[in-house]
Amino acid sequence: MACHLRAVLSFAVLENGHLATVRENPLSYRVHRDLGHGKTVLFDVWWSNWCGSRRGSRFTARVSLGHSRAVSRYPLLPVCLSRVSGSRLTARSQ
């Protein structure tokens, strides 16, 4: 075991630097587990059902832990399956 992590991670979808209109955005995830050496997957986050604009906007994912942040651009947006149900973030542990 390399270390133990006990913290709350925050995951957000941003549209042009601001929170996108997505249910559960930002999503907080409580982590309490041992971390091994190398790469460790803590949880999967899924963004689904984006029916908003696909033009002129830049979408990024932001993960925060305390004062640390990582940001990555979305190269593809989720498919619009239902305008009625709206877009949503969900997470599950690994």
N, C-alpha and C. Protein backbone atom coordinates (compact mmCIF):
# COMPACT_ATOMS: atom_id res chain seq x y z
N MET A 1 0.85 -1.19 0.00
CA MET A 1 0.00 0.00 0.00
C MET A 1 0.89 1.25 0.00
N ALA A 2 0.59 2.19 -0.86
CA ALA A 2 1.35 3.43 -0.95
C ALA A 2 0.82 4.47 0.04
N CYS A 3 -0.51 4.61 0.14
CA CYS A 3 -1.10 5.58 1.05
C CYS A 3 -2.60 5.32 1.17
N HIS A 4 -3.24 6.10 2.03
CA HIS A 4 -4.68 5.99 2.23
C HIS A 4 -5.29 7.35 1.92
N LEU A 5 -6.39 7.37 1.18
CA LEU A 5 -7.07 8.61 0.82
C LEU A 5 -8.44 8.65 1.48
N ARG A 6 -8.67 9.72 2.21
CA ARG A 6 -9.98 9.95 2.81
C ARG A 6 -10.31 11.41 2.50
N ALA A 7 -11.20 11.62 1.52
CA ALA A 7 -11.48 12.97 1.05
C ALA A 7 -12.77 13.00 0.25
N VAL A 8 -13.18 14.19 -0.10
CA VAL A 8 -14.32 14.37 -0.99
C VAL A 8 -13.79 14.96 -2.29
N LEU A 9 -14.05 14.26 -3.38
CA LEU A 9 -13.68 14.73 -4.72
C LEU A 9 -14.90 15.39 -5.34
N SER A 10 -14.67 16.39 -6.14
CA SER A 10 -15.75 17.06 -6.84
C SER A 10 -15.50 16.95 -8.34
N PHE A 11 -16.53 16.59 -9.09
CA PHE A 11 -16.44 16.47 -10.54
C PHE A 11 -17.48 17.40 -11.14
N ALA A 12 -17.08 18.23 -12.09
CA ALA A 12 -18.02 19.18 -12.70
C ALA A 12 -17.85 19.21 -14.22
N VAL A 13 -18.96 19.42 -14.91
CA VAL A 13 -18.95 19.67 -16.35
C VAL A 13 -19.11 21.17 -16.53
N LEU A 14 -18.15 21.77 -17.24
CA LEU A 14 -18.17 23.21 -17.47
C LEU A 14 -18.44 23.51 -18.94
N GLU A 15 -19.24 24.52 -19.16
CA GLU A 15 -19.51 25.01 -20.51
C GLU A 15 -18.97 26.44 -20.56
N ASN A 16 -17.94 26.64 -21.36
CA ASN A 16 -17.28 27.95 -21.46
C ASN A 16 -16.85 28.47 -20.08
N GLY A 17 -16.36 27.57 -19.22
CA GLY A 17 -15.84 27.97 -17.92
C GLY A 17 -16.86 28.06 -16.80
N HIS A 18 -18.14 27.83 -17.10
CA HIS A 18 -19.20 27.91 -16.10
C HIS A 18 -19.90 26.56 -16.00
N LEU A 19 -20.52 26.28 -14.84
CA LEU A 19 -21.24 25.02 -14.68
C LEU A 19 -22.28 24.86 -15.78
N ALA A 20 -22.25 23.72 -16.46
CA ALA A 20 -23.25 23.42 -17.49
C ALA A 20 -24.55 23.02 -16.79
N THR A 21 -25.65 23.17 -17.51
CA THR A 21 -26.96 22.80 -16.97
C THR A 21 -27.12 21.29 -17.06
N VAL A 22 -26.65 20.61 -16.01
CA VAL A 22 -26.65 19.15 -15.93
C VAL A 22 -27.05 18.78 -14.51
N ARG A 23 -28.01 17.87 -14.34
CA ARG A 23 -28.40 17.43 -12.99
C ARG A 23 -27.21 16.79 -12.29
N GLU A 24 -27.11 17.02 -10.98
CA GLU A 24 -26.02 16.52 -10.13
C GLU A 24 -24.67 17.17 -10.48
N ASN A 25 -24.69 18.35 -11.07
CA ASN A 25 -23.47 19.06 -11.46
C ASN A 25 -23.27 20.27 -10.55
N PRO A 26 -22.22 20.35 -9.77
CA PRO A 26 -21.13 19.39 -9.67
C PRO A 26 -21.53 18.18 -8.83
N LEU A 27 -20.83 17.10 -9.07
CA LEU A 27 -21.07 15.85 -8.37
C LEU A 27 -19.96 15.66 -7.33
N SER A 28 -20.33 15.40 -6.09
CA SER A 28 -19.35 15.15 -5.04
C SER A 28 -19.30 13.66 -4.74
N TYR A 29 -18.09 13.16 -4.51
CA TYR A 29 -17.91 11.73 -4.28
C TYR A 29 -16.96 11.53 -3.10
N ARG A 30 -17.45 10.88 -2.06
CA ARG A 30 -16.64 10.62 -0.87
C ARG A 30 -15.76 9.40 -1.10
N VAL A 31 -14.45 9.57 -0.90
CA VAL A 31 -13.48 8.50 -1.11
C VAL A 31 -12.85 8.14 0.24
N HIS A 32 -12.79 6.85 0.52
CA HIS A 32 -12.16 6.34 1.74
C HIS A 32 -11.56 4.98 1.38
N ARG A 33 -10.32 5.01 0.88
CA ARG A 33 -9.72 3.75 0.44
C ARG A 33 -8.21 3.83 0.36
N ASP A 34 -7.61 2.64 0.31
CA ASP A 34 -6.17 2.53 0.14
C ASP A 34 -5.83 2.72 -1.33
N LEU A 35 -4.69 3.37 -1.57
CA LEU A 35 -4.21 3.58 -2.93
C LEU A 35 -2.90 2.83 -3.09
N GLY A 36 -2.81 2.04 -4.14
CA GLY A 36 -1.57 1.32 -4.42
C GLY A 36 -0.61 2.18 -5.20
N HIS A 37 0.56 1.65 -5.48
CA HIS A 37 1.55 2.35 -6.30
C HIS A 37 1.05 2.40 -7.74
N GLY A 38 1.35 3.45 -8.45
CA GLY A 38 0.94 3.57 -9.85
C GLY A 38 -0.46 4.16 -9.98
N LYS A 39 -1.14 3.81 -11.04
CA LYS A 39 -2.45 4.35 -11.36
C LYS A 39 -3.54 3.63 -10.57
N THR A 40 -4.45 4.40 -9.98
CA THR A 40 -5.58 3.85 -9.25
C THR A 40 -6.85 4.51 -9.73
N VAL A 41 -7.83 3.73 -10.13
CA VAL A 41 -9.13 4.26 -10.54
C VAL A 41 -10.02 4.29 -9.31
N LEU A 42 -10.52 5.48 -8.97
CA LEU A 42 -11.35 5.62 -7.78
C LEU A 42 -12.83 5.44 -8.08
N PHE A 43 -13.28 6.02 -9.21
CA PHE A 43 -14.69 5.91 -9.59
C PHE A 43 -14.85 6.29 -11.05
N ASP A 44 -15.96 5.87 -11.63
CA ASP A 44 -16.33 6.25 -13.00
C ASP A 44 -17.41 7.32 -12.92
N VAL A 45 -17.29 8.34 -13.73
CA VAL A 45 -18.33 9.37 -13.83
C VAL A 45 -18.87 9.33 -15.24
N TRP A 46 -20.19 9.34 -15.35
CA TRP A 46 -20.86 9.31 -16.66
C TRP A 46 -21.69 10.57 -16.82
N TRP A 47 -21.50 11.24 -17.95
CA TRP A 47 -22.34 12.38 -18.32
C TRP A 47 -23.22 11.87 -19.45
N SER A 48 -24.52 11.97 -19.29
CA SER A 48 -25.43 11.41 -20.29
C SER A 48 -26.47 12.41 -20.76
N ASN A 49 -26.98 12.15 -21.95
CA ASN A 49 -28.14 12.83 -22.51
C ASN A 49 -27.99 14.35 -22.65
N TRP A 50 -26.99 14.81 -23.39
CA TRP A 50 -26.83 16.25 -23.62
C TRP A 50 -27.65 16.66 -24.83
N CYS A 51 -28.70 17.47 -24.59
CA CYS A 51 -29.57 17.96 -25.67
C CYS A 51 -29.38 19.45 -25.91
N GLY A 52 -28.40 20.04 -25.26
CA GLY A 52 -28.13 21.46 -25.44
C GLY A 52 -27.33 21.73 -26.71
N SER A 53 -26.89 22.96 -26.83
CA SER A 53 -26.15 23.39 -28.02
C SER A 53 -24.84 22.61 -28.16
N ARG A 54 -24.48 22.34 -29.39
CA ARG A 54 -23.21 21.67 -29.70
C ARG A 54 -22.28 22.60 -30.47
N ARG A 55 -22.70 23.84 -30.68
CA ARG A 55 -21.89 24.79 -31.45
C ARG A 55 -21.51 25.99 -30.59
N GLY A 56 -20.30 26.44 -30.77
CA GLY A 56 -19.85 27.66 -30.11
C GLY A 56 -19.56 27.53 -28.63
N SER A 57 -19.63 26.35 -28.10
CA SER A 57 -19.34 26.14 -26.68
C SER A 57 -18.14 25.22 -26.51
N ARG A 58 -17.39 25.46 -25.47
CA ARG A 58 -16.26 24.60 -25.12
C ARG A 58 -16.61 23.90 -23.81
N PHE A 59 -16.61 22.58 -23.82
CA PHE A 59 -16.96 21.79 -22.65
C PHE A 59 -15.71 21.16 -22.05
N THR A 60 -15.59 21.28 -20.72
CA THR A 60 -14.48 20.68 -20.01
C THR A 60 -14.99 19.94 -18.78
N ALA A 61 -14.20 18.97 -18.34
CA ALA A 61 -14.45 18.25 -17.10
C ALA A 61 -13.43 18.75 -16.09
N ARG A 62 -13.89 19.04 -14.87
CA ARG A 62 -12.99 19.52 -13.82
C ARG A 62 -13.14 18.63 -12.59
N VAL A 63 -12.03 18.08 -12.13
CA VAL A 63 -12.00 17.27 -10.91
C VAL A 63 -11.22 18.05 -9.86
N SER A 64 -11.79 18.18 -8.66
CA SER A 64 -11.15 18.94 -7.59
C SER A 64 -11.01 18.08 -6.34
N LEU A 65 -9.87 18.22 -5.68
CA LEU A 65 -9.60 17.59 -4.40
C LEU A 65 -8.87 18.62 -3.57
N GLY A 66 -9.56 19.21 -2.61
CA GLY A 66 -8.96 20.30 -1.84
C GLY A 66 -8.65 21.47 -2.76
N HIS A 67 -7.40 21.92 -2.76
CA HIS A 67 -6.99 23.04 -3.62
C HIS A 67 -6.43 22.56 -4.96
N SER A 68 -6.39 21.26 -5.18
CA SER A 68 -5.86 20.71 -6.43
C SER A 68 -6.99 20.53 -7.44
N ARG A 69 -6.69 20.84 -8.70
CA ARG A 69 -7.68 20.69 -9.77
C ARG A 69 -7.03 20.13 -11.01
N ALA A 70 -7.82 19.33 -11.74
CA ALA A 70 -7.40 18.84 -13.05
C ALA A 70 -8.55 19.14 -14.00
N VAL A 71 -8.21 19.62 -15.19
CA VAL A 71 -9.23 19.98 -16.19
C VAL A 71 -8.88 19.30 -17.50
N SER A 72 -9.90 18.77 -18.16
CA SER A 72 -9.71 18.11 -19.45
C SER A 72 -10.87 18.47 -20.37
N ARG A 73 -10.57 18.69 -21.63
CA ARG A 73 -11.58 19.05 -22.62
C ARG A 73 -12.37 17.82 -23.07
N TYR A 74 -13.66 18.00 -23.30
CA TYR A 74 -14.50 16.94 -23.86
C TYR A 74 -14.39 16.99 -25.39
N PRO A 75 -13.81 15.97 -26.02
CA PRO A 75 -13.73 15.96 -27.48
C PRO A 75 -15.07 15.60 -28.13
N LEU A 76 -15.89 14.83 -27.42
CA LEU A 76 -17.22 14.44 -27.90
C LEU A 76 -18.24 14.67 -26.80
N LEU A 77 -19.44 15.06 -27.17
CA LEU A 77 -20.50 15.28 -26.20
C LEU A 77 -21.47 14.10 -26.19
N PRO A 78 -22.16 13.87 -25.06
CA PRO A 78 -23.12 12.77 -25.00
C PRO A 78 -24.25 12.95 -26.02
N VAL A 79 -24.79 11.84 -26.46
CA VAL A 79 -25.91 11.83 -27.40
C VAL A 79 -27.18 12.30 -26.69
N CYS A 80 -28.03 13.04 -27.41
CA CYS A 80 -29.32 13.46 -26.88
C CYS A 80 -30.32 12.32 -27.07
N LEU A 81 -30.73 11.72 -25.96
CA LEU A 81 -31.69 10.61 -26.01
C LEU A 81 -33.11 11.05 -25.70
N SER A 82 -33.26 12.06 -24.83
CA SER A 82 -34.59 12.52 -24.45
C SER A 82 -34.51 13.94 -23.91
N ARG A 83 -35.16 14.87 -24.57
CA ARG A 83 -35.18 16.25 -24.10
C ARG A 83 -35.95 16.37 -22.80
N VAL A 84 -36.89 15.47 -22.56
CA VAL A 84 -37.73 15.51 -21.36
C VAL A 84 -36.94 15.16 -20.10
N SER A 85 -36.10 14.16 -20.15
CA SER A 85 -35.40 13.70 -18.94
C SER A 85 -34.20 14.57 -18.58
N GLY A 86 -33.63 15.33 -19.49
CA GLY A 86 -32.53 16.22 -19.20
C GLY A 86 -31.19 15.50 -19.06
N SER A 87 -30.13 16.28 -19.01
CA SER A 87 -28.78 15.77 -18.91
C SER A 87 -28.44 15.49 -17.45
N ARG A 88 -27.53 14.52 -17.20
CA ARG A 88 -27.25 14.10 -15.83
C ARG A 88 -25.84 13.56 -15.68
N LEU A 89 -25.26 13.78 -14.48
CA LEU A 89 -24.00 13.15 -14.08
C LEU A 89 -24.31 12.02 -13.10
N THR A 90 -23.64 10.90 -13.26
CA THR A 90 -23.75 9.79 -12.31
C THR A 90 -22.35 9.23 -12.06
N ALA A 91 -22.17 8.59 -10.91
CA ALA A 91 -20.87 8.02 -10.57
C ALA A 91 -21.06 6.66 -9.93
N ARG A 92 -20.05 5.80 -10.11
CA ARG A 92 -20.04 4.53 -9.40
C ARG A 92 -18.60 4.21 -9.04
N SER A 93 -18.43 3.57 -7.89
CA SER A 93 -17.08 3.26 -7.43
C SER A 93 -16.51 2.07 -8.20
N GLN A 94 -15.20 1.96 -8.16
CA GLN A 94 -14.50 0.87 -8.83
C GLN A 94 -14.16 -0.21 -7.85
